[in-house]
Full PDB file with SEQRES, HELIX, SHEET, SSBOND, CRYST1, ORIGX, SCALE, CONECT and MASTER records, all heavy atoms in Angstrom:
SEQRES   1 A   42  THR THR SER LEU VAL ASP ASN ILE ILE MET PRO LEU ILE          
SEQRES   2 A   42  GLY LEU LEU THR GLY GLY ILE ASP LEU THR LYS TRP ASP          
SEQRES   3 A   42  ILE VAL LEU LYS PRO ALA VAL THR GLU MET VAL ASP GLY          
SEQRES   4 A   42  VAL MET THR                                                  
HELIX    1 AA1 THR A    2  LEU A    4  1                                   3    
HELIX    2 AA2 VAL A    5  ILE A    9  3                                   5    
HELIX    3 AA3 MET A   10  LEU A   16  1                                   7    
HELIX    4 AA4 LEU A   22  LYS A   24  5                                   3    
SHEET    1 AA1 2 MET A  36  VAL A  37  0                                        
SHEET    2 AA1 2 VAL A  40  MET A  41 -1                                        
CRYST1    1.000    1.000    1.000  90.00  90.00  90.00 P 1           1          
ORIGX1      1.000000  0.000000  0.000000        0.00000                         
ORIGX2      0.000000  1.000000  0.000000        0.00000                         
ORIGX3      0.000000  0.000000  1.000000        0.00000                         
SCALE1      1.000000  0.000000  0.000000        0.00000                         
SCALE2      0.000000  1.000000  0.000000        0.00000                         
SCALE3      0.000000  0.000000  1.000000        0.00000                         
ATOM      1  N   THR A   1     135.647 124.047 135.709  1.00  0.00           N  
ATOM      2  CA  THR A   1     134.879 123.377 136.759  1.00  0.00           C  
ATOM      3  C   THR A   1     135.801 122.652 137.740  1.00  0.00           C  
ATOM      4  O   THR A   1     135.527 122.621 138.937  1.00  0.00           O  
ATOM      5  CB  THR A   1     133.855 122.390 136.189  1.00  0.00           C  
ATOM      6  OG1 THR A   1     134.518 121.453 135.357  1.00  0.00           O  
ATOM      7  CG2 THR A   1     132.784 123.111 135.411  1.00  0.00           C  
ATOM      8  N   THR A   2     136.902 122.092 137.242  1.00  0.00           N  
ATOM      9  CA  THR A   2     137.858 121.440 138.138  1.00  0.00           C  
ATOM     10  C   THR A   2     138.421 122.455 139.123  1.00  0.00           C  
ATOM     11  O   THR A   2     138.513 122.183 140.327  1.00  0.00           O  
ATOM     12  CB  THR A   2     138.989 120.786 137.333  1.00  0.00           C  
ATOM     13  OG1 THR A   2     138.433 119.800 136.471  1.00  0.00           O  
ATOM     14  CG2 THR A   2     140.023 120.142 138.237  1.00  0.00           C  
ATOM     15  N   SER A   3     138.780 123.620 138.615  1.00  0.00           N  
ATOM     16  CA  SER A   3     139.299 124.662 139.496  1.00  0.00           C  
ATOM     17  C   SER A   3     138.229 125.122 140.483  1.00  0.00           C  
ATOM     18  O   SER A   3     138.509 125.324 141.669  1.00  0.00           O  
ATOM     19  CB  SER A   3     139.789 125.847 138.668  1.00  0.00           C  
ATOM     20  OG  SER A   3     140.218 126.890 139.512  1.00  0.00           O  
ATOM     21  N   LEU A   4     137.005 125.279 140.003  1.00  0.00           N  
ATOM     22  CA  LEU A   4     135.899 125.686 140.882  1.00  0.00           C  
ATOM     23  C   LEU A   4     135.701 124.679 142.011  1.00  0.00           C  
ATOM     24  O   LEU A   4     135.584 125.053 143.181  1.00  0.00           O  
ATOM     25  CB  LEU A   4     134.610 125.828 140.066  1.00  0.00           C  
ATOM     26  CG  LEU A   4     133.328 126.110 140.838  1.00  0.00           C  
ATOM     27  CD1 LEU A   4     133.339 127.543 141.363  1.00  0.00           C  
ATOM     28  CD2 LEU A   4     132.115 125.871 139.982  1.00  0.00           C  
ATOM     29  N   VAL A   5     135.683 123.409 141.655  1.00  0.00           N  
ATOM     30  CA  VAL A   5     135.462 122.371 142.668  1.00  0.00           C  
ATOM     31  C   VAL A   5     136.645 122.279 143.621  1.00  0.00           C  
ATOM     32  O   VAL A   5     136.473 122.291 144.849  1.00  0.00           O  
ATOM     33  CB  VAL A   5     135.183 121.005 142.002  1.00  0.00           C  
ATOM     34  CG1 VAL A   5     135.216 119.883 143.016  1.00  0.00           C  
ATOM     35  CG2 VAL A   5     133.856 121.036 141.279  1.00  0.00           C  
ATOM     36  N   ASP A   6     137.872 122.207 143.079  1.00  0.00           N  
ATOM     37  CA  ASP A   6     139.055 122.015 143.923  1.00  0.00           C  
ATOM     38  C   ASP A   6     139.379 123.222 144.788  1.00  0.00           C  
ATOM     39  O   ASP A   6     139.843 123.065 145.926  1.00  0.00           O  
ATOM     40  CB  ASP A   6     140.276 121.670 143.061  1.00  0.00           C  
ATOM     41  CG  ASP A   6     140.149 120.308 142.407  1.00  0.00           C  
ATOM     42  OD1 ASP A   6     139.282 119.520 142.835  1.00  0.00           O  
ATOM     43  OD2 ASP A   6     140.921 120.029 141.469  1.00  0.00           O  
ATOM     44  N   ASN A   7     139.160 124.432 144.269  1.00  0.00           N  
ATOM     45  CA  ASN A   7     139.613 125.628 144.974  1.00  0.00           C  
ATOM     46  C   ASN A   7     138.516 126.380 145.713  1.00  0.00           C  
ATOM     47  O   ASN A   7     138.820 127.239 146.538  1.00  0.00           O  
ATOM     48  CB  ASN A   7     140.298 126.584 143.995  1.00  0.00           C  
ATOM     49  CG  ASN A   7     141.503 125.936 143.346  1.00  0.00           C  
ATOM     50  OD1 ASN A   7     142.254 125.231 143.992  1.00  0.00           O  
ATOM     51  ND2 ASN A   7     141.670 126.150 142.058  1.00  0.00           N  
ATOM     52  N   ILE A   8     137.250 126.100 145.406  1.00  0.00           N  
ATOM     53  CA  ILE A   8     136.171 126.835 146.079  1.00  0.00           C  
ATOM     54  C   ILE A   8     135.206 125.888 146.787  1.00  0.00           C  
ATOM     55  O   ILE A   8     134.981 126.003 147.987  1.00  0.00           O  
ATOM     56  CB  ILE A   8     135.416 127.734 145.072  1.00  0.00           C  
ATOM     57  CG1 ILE A   8     136.380 128.819 144.567  1.00  0.00           C  
ATOM     58  CG2 ILE A   8     134.184 128.359 145.705  1.00  0.00           C  
ATOM     59  CD1 ILE A   8     135.822 129.708 143.495  1.00  0.00           C  
ATOM     60  N   ILE A   9     134.640 124.931 146.051  1.00  0.00           N  
ATOM     61  CA  ILE A   9     133.604 124.078 146.642  1.00  0.00           C  
ATOM     62  C   ILE A   9     134.174 123.130 147.698  1.00  0.00           C  
ATOM     63  O   ILE A   9     133.631 123.035 148.807  1.00  0.00           O  
ATOM     64  CB  ILE A   9     132.853 123.305 145.533  1.00  0.00           C  
ATOM     65  CG1 ILE A   9     132.074 124.301 144.668  1.00  0.00           C  
ATOM     66  CG2 ILE A   9     131.911 122.274 146.139  1.00  0.00           C  
ATOM     67  CD1 ILE A   9     131.405 123.680 143.461  1.00  0.00           C  
ATOM     68  N   MET A  10     135.262 122.427 147.378  1.00  0.00           N  
ATOM     69  CA  MET A  10     135.810 121.463 148.348  1.00  0.00           C  
ATOM     70  C   MET A  10     136.303 122.150 149.623  1.00  0.00           C  
ATOM     71  O   MET A  10     136.045 121.649 150.723  1.00  0.00           O  
ATOM     72  CB  MET A  10     136.922 120.629 147.706  1.00  0.00           C  
ATOM     73  CG  MET A  10     136.423 119.686 146.620  1.00  0.00           C  
ATOM     74  SD  MET A  10     135.126 118.567 147.152  1.00  0.00           S  
ATOM     75  CE  MET A  10     136.104 117.292 147.895  1.00  0.00           C  
ATOM     76  N   PRO A  11     136.984 123.311 149.558  1.00  0.00           N  
ATOM     77  CA  PRO A  11     137.343 123.974 150.823  1.00  0.00           C  
ATOM     78  C   PRO A  11     136.116 124.412 151.628  1.00  0.00           C  
ATOM     79  O   PRO A  11     136.132 124.342 152.863  1.00  0.00           O  
ATOM     80  CB  PRO A  11     138.159 125.194 150.370  1.00  0.00           C  
ATOM     81  CG  PRO A  11     138.742 124.782 149.070  1.00  0.00           C  
ATOM     82  CD  PRO A  11     137.693 123.934 148.426  1.00  0.00           C  
ATOM     83  N   LEU A  12     135.055 124.852 150.945  1.00  0.00           N  
ATOM     84  CA  LEU A  12     133.837 125.227 151.669  1.00  0.00           C  
ATOM     85  C   LEU A  12     133.207 124.003 152.337  1.00  0.00           C  
ATOM     86  O   LEU A  12     132.754 124.087 153.487  1.00  0.00           O  
ATOM     87  CB  LEU A  12     132.834 125.893 150.728  1.00  0.00           C  
ATOM     88  CG  LEU A  12     133.193 127.304 150.254  1.00  0.00           C  
ATOM     89  CD1 LEU A  12     132.186 127.784 149.215  1.00  0.00           C  
ATOM     90  CD2 LEU A  12     133.274 128.256 151.423  1.00  0.00           C  
ATOM     91  N   ILE A  13     133.178 122.881 151.640  1.00  0.00           N  
ATOM     92  CA  ILE A  13     132.660 121.643 152.243  1.00  0.00           C  
ATOM     93  C   ILE A  13     133.541 121.243 153.427  1.00  0.00           C  
ATOM     94  O   ILE A  13     133.049 120.832 154.481  1.00  0.00           O  
ATOM     95  CB  ILE A  13     132.568 120.511 151.199  1.00  0.00           C  
ATOM     96  CG1 ILE A  13     131.479 120.827 150.177  1.00  0.00           C  
ATOM     97  CG2 ILE A  13     132.284 119.171 151.873  1.00  0.00           C  
ATOM     98  CD1 ILE A  13     131.415 119.839 149.015  1.00  0.00           C  
ATOM     99  N   GLY A  14     134.849 121.377 153.268  1.00  0.00           N  
ATOM    100  CA  GLY A  14     135.765 121.083 154.370  1.00  0.00           C  
ATOM    101  C   GLY A  14     135.524 121.978 155.570  1.00  0.00           C  
ATOM    102  O   GLY A  14     135.572 121.534 156.713  1.00  0.00           O  
ATOM    103  N   LEU A  15     135.241 123.256 155.324  1.00  0.00           N  
ATOM    104  CA  LEU A  15     134.959 124.193 156.406  1.00  0.00           C  
ATOM    105  C   LEU A  15     133.678 123.795 157.135  1.00  0.00           C  
ATOM    106  O   LEU A  15     133.613 123.835 158.369  1.00  0.00           O  
ATOM    107  CB  LEU A  15     134.833 125.611 155.843  1.00  0.00           C  
ATOM    108  CG  LEU A  15     134.614 126.729 156.842  1.00  0.00           C  
ATOM    109  CD1 LEU A  15     135.836 126.890 157.734  1.00  0.00           C  
ATOM    110  CD2 LEU A  15     134.309 128.027 156.111  1.00  0.00           C  
ATOM    111  N   LEU A  16     132.659 123.377 156.361  1.00  0.00           N  
ATOM    112  CA  LEU A  16     131.392 122.956 156.969  1.00  0.00           C  
ATOM    113  C   LEU A  16     131.537 121.669 157.773  1.00  0.00           C  
ATOM    114  O   LEU A  16     130.775 121.428 158.706  1.00  0.00           O  
ATOM    115  CB  LEU A  16     130.319 122.776 155.889  1.00  0.00           C  
ATOM    116  CG  LEU A  16     129.868 124.054 155.166  1.00  0.00           C  
ATOM    117  CD1 LEU A  16     128.922 123.714 154.022  1.00  0.00           C  
ATOM    118  CD2 LEU A  16     129.190 124.998 156.154  1.00  0.00           C  
ATOM    119  N   THR A  17     132.491 120.819 157.400  1.00  0.00           N  
ATOM    120  CA  THR A  17     132.679 119.549 158.107  1.00  0.00           C  
ATOM    121  C   THR A  17     133.725 119.650 159.212  1.00  0.00           C  
ATOM    122  O   THR A  17     134.208 118.639 159.710  1.00  0.00           O  
ATOM    123  CB  THR A  17     133.080 118.435 157.118  1.00  0.00           C  
ATOM    124  OG1 THR A  17     134.285 118.814 156.451  1.00  0.00           O  
ATOM    125  CG2 THR A  17     131.980 118.160 156.134  1.00  0.00           C  
ATOM    126  N   GLY A  18     134.104 120.857 159.583  1.00  0.00           N  
ATOM    127  CA  GLY A  18     135.025 121.016 160.707  1.00  0.00           C  
ATOM    128  C   GLY A  18     136.475 121.128 160.303  1.00  0.00           C  
ATOM    129  O   GLY A  18     137.360 120.754 161.077  1.00  0.00           O  
ATOM    130  N   GLY A  19     136.764 121.621 159.128  1.00  0.00           N  
ATOM    131  CA  GLY A  19     138.143 121.849 158.700  1.00  0.00           C  
ATOM    132  C   GLY A  19     138.817 120.639 158.087  1.00  0.00           C  
ATOM    133  O   GLY A  19     140.039 120.626 157.927  1.00  0.00           O  
ATOM    134  N   ILE A  20     138.059 119.625 157.745  1.00  0.00           N  
ATOM    135  CA  ILE A  20     138.635 118.431 157.136  1.00  0.00           C  
ATOM    136  C   ILE A  20     138.904 118.707 155.656  1.00  0.00           C  
ATOM    137  O   ILE A  20     138.045 119.206 154.938  1.00  0.00           O  
ATOM    138  CB  ILE A  20     137.678 117.232 157.267  1.00  0.00           C  
ATOM    139  CG1 ILE A  20     137.406 116.931 158.733  1.00  0.00           C  
ATOM    140  CG2 ILE A  20     138.226 116.009 156.549  1.00  0.00           C  
ATOM    141  CD1 ILE A  20     136.307 115.918 158.949  1.00  0.00           C  
ATOM    142  N   ASP A  21     140.115 118.406 155.193  1.00  0.00           N  
ATOM    143  CA  ASP A  21     140.442 118.564 153.775  1.00  0.00           C  
ATOM    144  C   ASP A  21     139.982 117.300 153.055  1.00  0.00           C  
ATOM    145  O   ASP A  21     140.634 116.264 153.099  1.00  0.00           O  
ATOM    146  CB  ASP A  21     141.948 118.773 153.590  1.00  0.00           C  
ATOM    147  CG  ASP A  21     142.322 119.035 152.140  1.00  0.00           C  
ATOM    148  OD1 ASP A  21     141.411 119.140 151.286  1.00  0.00           O  
ATOM    149  OD2 ASP A  21     143.530 119.145 151.855  1.00  0.00           O  
ATOM    150  N   LEU A  22     138.839 117.407 152.397  1.00  0.00           N  
ATOM    151  CA  LEU A  22     138.250 116.221 151.775  1.00  0.00           C  
ATOM    152  C   LEU A  22     139.043 115.715 150.573  1.00  0.00           C  
ATOM    153  O   LEU A  22     138.928 114.550 150.202  1.00  0.00           O  
ATOM    154  CB  LEU A  22     136.808 116.516 151.360  1.00  0.00           C  
ATOM    155  CG  LEU A  22     135.837 116.739 152.507  1.00  0.00           C  
ATOM    156  CD1 LEU A  22     134.460 117.073 151.979  1.00  0.00           C  
ATOM    157  CD2 LEU A  22     135.775 115.529 153.397  1.00  0.00           C  
ATOM    158  N   THR A  23     139.841 116.577 149.947  1.00  0.00           N  
ATOM    159  CA  THR A  23     140.626 116.104 148.800  1.00  0.00           C  
ATOM    160  C   THR A  23     141.694 115.110 149.236  1.00  0.00           C  
ATOM    161  O   THR A  23     142.183 114.340 148.425  1.00  0.00           O  
ATOM    162  CB  THR A  23     141.280 117.282 148.057  1.00  0.00           C  
ATOM    163  OG1 THR A  23     142.110 118.004 148.966  1.00  0.00           O  
ATOM    164  CG2 THR A  23     140.238 118.196 147.453  1.00  0.00           C  
ATOM    165  N   LYS A  24     142.044 115.134 150.517  1.00  0.00           N  
ATOM    166  CA  LYS A  24     143.049 114.191 151.031  1.00  0.00           C  
ATOM    167  C   LYS A  24     142.411 113.082 151.849  1.00  0.00           C  
ATOM    168  O   LYS A  24     143.083 112.379 152.584  1.00  0.00           O  
ATOM    169  CB  LYS A  24     144.087 114.939 151.854  1.00  0.00           C  
ATOM    170  CG  LYS A  24     144.886 115.901 151.008  1.00  0.00           C  
ATOM    171  CD  LYS A  24     145.925 116.610 151.788  1.00  0.00           C  
ATOM    172  CE  LYS A  24     146.679 117.497 150.806  1.00  0.00           C  
ATOM    173  NZ  LYS A  24     147.198 118.678 151.356  1.00  0.00           N  
ATOM    174  N   TRP A  25     141.100 112.932 151.705  1.00  0.00           N  
ATOM    175  CA  TRP A  25     140.376 111.911 152.440  1.00  0.00           C  
ATOM    176  C   TRP A  25     140.581 110.580 151.739  1.00  0.00           C  
ATOM    177  O   TRP A  25     140.078 110.345 150.645  1.00  0.00           O  
ATOM    178  CB  TRP A  25     138.896 112.279 152.508  1.00  0.00           C  
ATOM    179  CG  TRP A  25     138.034 111.322 153.268  1.00  0.00           C  
ATOM    180  CD1 TRP A  25     138.403 110.515 154.286  1.00  0.00           C  
ATOM    181  CD2 TRP A  25     136.656 111.087 153.039  1.00  0.00           C  
ATOM    182  NE1 TRP A  25     137.335 109.783 154.726  1.00  0.00           N  
ATOM    183  CE2 TRP A  25     136.240 110.121 153.969  1.00  0.00           C  
ATOM    184  CE3 TRP A  25     135.725 111.599 152.158  1.00  0.00           C  
ATOM    185  CZ2 TRP A  25     134.943 109.658 154.025  1.00  0.00           C  
ATOM    186  CZ3 TRP A  25     134.435 111.127 152.223  1.00  0.00           C  
ATOM    187  CH2 TRP A  25     134.055 110.165 153.151  1.00  0.00           C  
ATOM    188  N   ASP A  26     141.343 109.702 152.359  1.00  0.00           N  
ATOM    189  CA  ASP A  26     141.663 108.392 151.793  1.00  0.00           C  
ATOM    190  C   ASP A  26     141.336 107.307 152.815  1.00  0.00           C  
ATOM    191  O   ASP A  26     141.412 107.526 154.023  1.00  0.00           O  
ATOM    192  CB  ASP A  26     143.160 108.290 151.449  1.00  0.00           C  
ATOM    193  CG  ASP A  26     143.581 109.258 150.363  1.00  0.00           C  
ATOM    194  OD1 ASP A  26     142.784 109.494 149.434  1.00  0.00           O  
ATOM    195  OD2 ASP A  26     144.705 109.785 150.450  1.00  0.00           O  
ATOM    196  N   ILE A  27     140.989 106.150 152.298  1.00  0.00           N  
ATOM    197  CA  ILE A  27     140.801 104.982 153.152  1.00  0.00           C  
ATOM    198  C   ILE A  27     141.990 104.067 152.898  1.00  0.00           C  
ATOM    199  O   ILE A  27     142.223 103.630 151.769  1.00  0.00           O  
ATOM    200  CB  ILE A  27     139.474 104.258 152.830  1.00  0.00           C  
ATOM    201  CG1 ILE A  27     138.296 105.174 153.151  1.00  0.00           C  
ATOM    202  CG2 ILE A  27     139.385 102.952 153.598  1.00  0.00           C  
ATOM    203  CD1 ILE A  27     136.955 104.599 152.775  1.00  0.00           C  
ATOM    204  N   VAL A  28     142.753 103.788 153.946  1.00  0.00           N  
ATOM    205  CA  VAL A  28     143.958 102.967 153.826  1.00  0.00           C  
ATOM    206  C   VAL A  28     143.554 101.505 153.893  1.00  0.00           C  
ATOM    207  O   VAL A  28     143.018 101.032 154.888  1.00  0.00           O  
ATOM    208  CB  VAL A  28     144.971 103.308 154.939  1.00  0.00           C  
ATOM    209  CG1 VAL A  28     146.205 102.416 154.814  1.00  0.00           C  
ATOM    210  CG2 VAL A  28     145.351 104.769 154.883  1.00  0.00           C  
ATOM    211  N   LEU A  29     143.792 100.795 152.796  1.00  0.00           N  
ATOM    212  CA  LEU A  29     143.512  99.358 152.757  1.00  0.00           C  
ATOM    213  C   LEU A  29     144.689  98.553 153.290  1.00  0.00           C  
ATOM    214  O   LEU A  29     144.514  97.539 153.968  1.00  0.00           O  
ATOM    215  CB  LEU A  29     143.192  98.921 151.324  1.00  0.00           C  
ATOM    216  CG  LEU A  29     141.970  99.568 150.673  1.00  0.00           C  
ATOM    217  CD1 LEU A  29     141.837  99.103 149.232  1.00  0.00           C  
ATOM    218  CD2 LEU A  29     140.717  99.228 151.459  1.00  0.00           C  
ATOM    219  N   LYS A  30     145.884  99.023 152.952  1.00  0.00           N  
ATOM    220  CA  LYS A  30     147.096  98.347 153.424  1.00  0.00           C  
ATOM    221  C   LYS A  30     148.138  99.438 153.692  1.00  0.00           C  
ATOM    222  O   LYS A  30     148.486 100.189 152.778  1.00  0.00           O  
ATOM    223  CB  LYS A  30     147.608  97.386 152.353  1.00  0.00           C  
ATOM    224  CG  LYS A  30     148.827  96.621 152.743  1.00  0.00           C  
ATOM    225  CD  LYS A  30     149.246  95.666 151.641  1.00  0.00           C  
ATOM    226  CE  LYS A  30     150.542  94.999 152.002  1.00  0.00           C  
ATOM    227  NZ  LYS A  30     151.092  94.238 150.895  1.00  0.00           N  
ATOM    228  N   PRO A  31     148.570  99.572 154.929  1.00  0.00           N  
ATOM    229  CA  PRO A  31     149.525 100.653 155.241  1.00  0.00           C  
ATOM    230  C   PRO A  31     150.876 100.427 154.552  1.00  0.00           C  
ATOM    231  O   PRO A  31     151.211  99.315 154.154  1.00  0.00           O  
ATOM    232  CB  PRO A  31     149.660 100.591 156.762  1.00  0.00           C  
ATOM    233  CG  PRO A  31     149.136  99.266 157.164  1.00  0.00           C  
ATOM    234  CD  PRO A  31     148.236  98.772 156.084  1.00  0.00           C  
ATOM    235  N   ALA A  32     151.598 101.519 154.432  1.00  0.00           N  
ATOM    236  CA  ALA A  32     152.925 101.447 153.824  1.00  0.00           C  
ATOM    237  C   ALA A  32     153.872 100.671 154.738  1.00  0.00           C  
ATOM    238  O   ALA A  32     153.733 100.694 155.963  1.00  0.00           O  
ATOM    239  CB  ALA A  32     153.464 102.846 153.582  1.00  0.00           C  
ATOM    240  N   VAL A  33     154.798  99.981 154.127  1.00  0.00           N  
ATOM    241  CA  VAL A  33     155.795  99.228 154.882  1.00  0.00           C  
ATOM    242  C   VAL A  33     157.089 100.031 154.854  1.00  0.00           C  
ATOM    243  O   VAL A  33     157.585 100.401 153.789  1.00  0.00           O  
ATOM    244  CB  VAL A  33     156.022  97.831 154.267  1.00  0.00           C  
ATOM    245  CG1 VAL A  33     157.124  97.095 154.997  1.00  0.00           C  
ATOM    246  CG2 VAL A  33     154.731  97.041 154.263  1.00  0.00           C  
ATOM    247  N   THR A  34     157.605 100.331 156.054  1.00  0.00           N  
ATOM    248  CA  THR A  34     158.861 101.087 156.138  1.00  0.00           C  
ATOM    249  C   THR A  34     159.901 100.232 156.852  1.00  0.00           C  
ATOM    250  O   THR A  34     159.574  99.435 157.731  1.00  0.00           O  
ATOM    251  CB  THR A  34     158.652 102.403 156.911  1.00  0.00           C  
ATOM    252  OG1 THR A  34     158.123 102.099 158.190  1.00  0.00           O  
ATOM    253  CG2 THR A  34     157.710 103.331 156.162  1.00  0.00           C  
ATOM    254  N   GLU A  35     161.129 100.407 156.422  1.00  0.00           N  
ATOM    255  CA  GLU A  35     162.241  99.664 157.024  1.00  0.00           C  
ATOM    256  C   GLU A  35     163.422 100.599 157.216  1.00  0.00           C  
ATOM    257  O   GLU A  35     163.556 101.596 156.517  1.00  0.00           O  
ATOM    258  CB  GLU A  35     162.665  98.496 156.117  1.00  0.00           C  
ATOM    259  CG  GLU A  35     161.625  97.417 155.973  1.00  0.00           C  
ATOM    260  CD  GLU A  35     162.084  96.295 155.052  1.00  0.00           C  
ATOM    261  OE1 GLU A  35     163.253  96.291 154.625  1.00  0.00           O  
ATOM    262  OE2 GLU A  35     161.261  95.426 154.765  1.00  0.00           O  
ATOM    263  N   MET A  36     164.270 100.230 158.153  1.00  0.00           N  
ATOM    264  CA  MET A  36     165.476 101.000 158.395  1.00  0.00           C  
ATOM    265  C   MET A  36     166.564 100.476 157.459  1.00  0.00           C  
ATOM    266  O   MET A  36     166.946  99.321 157.518  1.00  0.00           O  
ATOM    267  CB  MET A  36     165.917 100.840 159.856  1.00  0.00           C  
ATOM    268  CG  MET A  36     167.077 101.694 160.249  1.00  0.00           C  
ATOM    269  SD  MET A  36     166.670 103.425 160.353  1.00  0.00           S  
ATOM    270  CE  MET A  36     165.877 103.512 161.924  1.00  0.00           C  
ATOM    271  N   VAL A  37     167.001 101.332 156.547  1.00  0.00           N  
ATOM    272  CA  VAL A  37     168.053 100.959 155.607  1.00  0.00           C  
ATOM    273  C   VAL A  37     169.185 101.959 155.770  1.00  0.00           C  
ATOM    274  O   VAL A  37     169.009 103.153 155.540  1.00  0.00           O  
ATOM    275  CB  VAL A  37     167.525 100.956 154.148  1.00  0.00           C  
ATOM    276  CG1 VAL A  37     168.635 100.639 153.176  1.00  0.00           C  
ATOM    277  CG2 VAL A  37     166.372  99.996 154.004  1.00  0.00           C  
ATOM    278  N   ASP A  38     170.369 101.465 156.174  1.00  0.00           N  
ATOM    279  CA  ASP A  38     171.562 102.299 156.384  1.00  0.00           C  
ATOM    280  C   ASP A  38     171.277 103.470 157.323  1.00  0.00           C  
ATOM    281  O   ASP A  38     171.684 104.603 157.072  1.00  0.00           O  
ATOM    282  CB  ASP A  38     172.105 102.823 155.045  1.00  0.00           C  
ATOM    283  CG  ASP A  38     172.569 101.691 154.136  1.00  0.00           C  
ATOM    284  OD1 ASP A  38     173.038 100.664 154.668  1.00  0.00           O  
ATOM    285  OD2 ASP A  38     172.457 101.836 152.908  1.00  0.00           O  
ATOM    286  N   GLY A  39     170.535 103.231 158.358  1.00  0.00           N  
ATOM    287  CA  GLY A  39     170.252 104.248 159.351  1.00  0.00           C  
ATOM    288  C   GLY A  39     169.172 105.241 158.939  1.00  0.00           C  
ATOM    289  O   GLY A  39     168.918 106.204 159.649  1.00  0.00           O  
ATOM    290  N   VAL A  40     168.553 104.999 157.789  1.00  0.00           N  
ATOM    291  CA  VAL A  40     167.503 105.907 157.314  1.00  0.00           C  
ATOM    292  C   VAL A  40     166.223 105.103 157.159  1.00  0.00           C  
ATOM    293  O   VAL A  40     166.214 104.026 156.569  1.00  0.00           O  
ATOM    294  CB  VAL A  40     167.893 106.546 155.962  1.00  0.00           C  
ATOM    295  CG1 VAL A  40     166.781 107.435 155.439  1.00  0.00           C  
ATOM    296  CG2 VAL A  40     169.194 107.318 156.092  1.00  0.00           C  
ATOM    297  N   MET A  41     165.117 105.670 157.683  1.00  0.00           N  
ATOM    298  CA  MET A  41     163.821 105.009 157.542  1.00  0.00           C  
ATOM    299  C   MET A  41     163.307 105.264 156.124  1.00  0.00           C  
ATOM    300  O   MET A  41     163.109 106.409 155.730  1.00  0.00           O  
ATOM    301  CB  MET A  41     162.849 105.559 158.579  1.00  0.00           C  
ATOM    302  CG  MET A  41     161.577 104.782 158.667  1.00  0.00           C  
ATOM    303  SD  MET A  41     161.865 103.124 159.260  1.00  0.00           S  
ATOM    304  CE  MET A  41     161.283 103.265 160.901  1.00  0.00           C  
ATOM    305  N   THR A  42     163.081 104.190 155.363  1.00  0.00           N  
ATOM    306  CA  THR A  42     162.589 104.332 153.982  1.00  0.00           C  
ATOM    307  C   THR A  42     161.332 103.501 153.801  1.00  0.00           C  
ATOM    308  O   THR A  42     161.141 102.477 154.465  1.00  0.00           O  
ATOM    309  CB  THR A  42     163.646 103.874 152.956  1.00  0.00           C  
ATOM    310  OG1 THR A  42     163.978 102.519 153.218  1.00  0.00           O  
ATOM    311  CG2 THR A  42     164.886 104.735 153.006  1.00  0.00           C  
TER     312      THR A  42                                                      
MASTER        0    0    0    4    2    0    0    6  311    1    0    4          
END                                                                             
């Protein structure tokens, strides 16, 4: 059932909602904090 939902039902629901991938639908409560460390953004 997990495979059925993840690989068939959720993509079909995403297609019906305009191509939105619902498995990656998240609500951000607090965004990630990034800083420049040694010339690299981490």
